[in-house]
Amino acid sequence: MKNPVVDCPACGRKVTFSASNRWRPFCSQRCKNLDLGAWAAERYRIAGDARDRDEGQGEESRDRS
């Protein structure tokens, strides 16, 4: 079976998605680290209502009082 070729999520370079590519689906350690840094800086967001998060935090603070 032939390994698929995918675009690197960070830079768009074509990459073979196989076990021999230790950074898959990225093309390099640099692109993998850029993506990790974006997650750590909270640049990726999951769509949702911010009120849900704020309400949950309010309940925790009231329980501690």
Protein backbone atom coordinates (compact mmCIF):
# COMPACT_ATOMS: atom_id res chain seq x y z
CA MET A 1 0.00 0.00 0.00
CA LYS A 2 1.35 3.42 -0.96
CA ASN A 3 1.73 6.01 1.80
CA PRO A 4 -0.40 9.13 1.31
CA VAL A 5 1.17 12.50 0.66
CA VAL A 6 -0.27 15.29 2.83
CA ASP A 7 0.35 19.00 3.29
CA CYS A 8 2.32 20.02 6.37
CA PRO A 9 -0.21 21.82 8.62
CA ALA A 10 2.32 24.55 9.46
CA CYS A 11 3.95 25.42 6.13
CA GLY A 12 2.02 23.51 3.46
CA ARG A 13 5.01 21.54 2.14
CA LYS A 14 4.14 18.10 0.71
CA VAL A 15 5.05 15.30 3.15
CA THR A 16 4.79 11.52 2.98
CA PHE A 17 2.60 10.34 5.85
CA SER A 18 4.48 7.23 6.93
CA ALA A 19 6.14 5.73 9.98
CA SER A 20 9.52 6.73 8.56
CA ASN A 21 8.59 10.42 8.95
CA ARG A 22 9.18 10.99 12.66
CA TRP A 23 7.44 14.39 12.58
CA ARG A 24 4.29 13.33 10.72
CA PRO A 25 2.05 15.04 9.77
CA PHE A 26 4.61 17.86 9.87
CA CYS A 27 7.61 18.15 7.56
CA SER A 28 10.17 18.98 10.27
CA GLN A 29 10.77 19.44 13.99
CA ARG A 30 10.56 23.21 13.42
CA CYS A 31 7.02 23.02 12.03
CA LYS A 32 5.99 20.65 14.80
CA ASN A 33 7.32 23.08 17.43
CA LEU A 34 5.59 26.04 15.75
CA ASP A 35 2.28 24.21 16.01
CA LEU A 36 2.91 23.26 19.65
CA GLY A 37 3.76 26.89 20.42
CA ALA A 38 0.51 28.03 18.83
CA TRP A 39 -1.44 25.65 21.09
CA ALA A 40 0.50 26.80 24.15
CA ALA A 41 -0.20 30.46 23.29
CA GLU A 42 -3.90 29.57 22.92
CA ARG A 43 -4.01 30.70 19.29
CA TYR A 44 -6.20 27.71 18.44
CA ARG A 45 -9.71 27.90 19.83
CA ILE A 46 -12.57 25.45 19.93
CA ALA A 47 -15.80 27.16 18.94
CA GLY A 48 -18.21 27.60 21.80
CA ASP A 49 -19.97 30.07 23.98
CA ALA A 50 -17.59 31.89 26.33
CA ARG A 51 -20.39 32.20 28.88
CA ASP A 52 -20.26 28.44 29.51
CA ARG A 53 -16.65 28.70 30.63
CA ASP A 54 -17.25 31.81 32.75
CA GLU A 55 -20.28 30.31 34.50
CA GLY A 56 -18.32 27.19 35.45
CA GLN A 57 -15.54 29.28 36.99
CA GLY A 58 -18.04 31.32 38.98
CA GLU A 59 -19.49 28.20 40.57
CA GLU A 60 -16.06 27.01 41.67
CA SER A 61 -15.23 30.33 43.30
CA ARG A 62 -18.57 30.35 45.16
CA ASP A 63 -17.94 26.82 46.45
CA ARG A 64 -14.61 27.87 47.96
CA SER A 65 -16.15 30.75 49.93
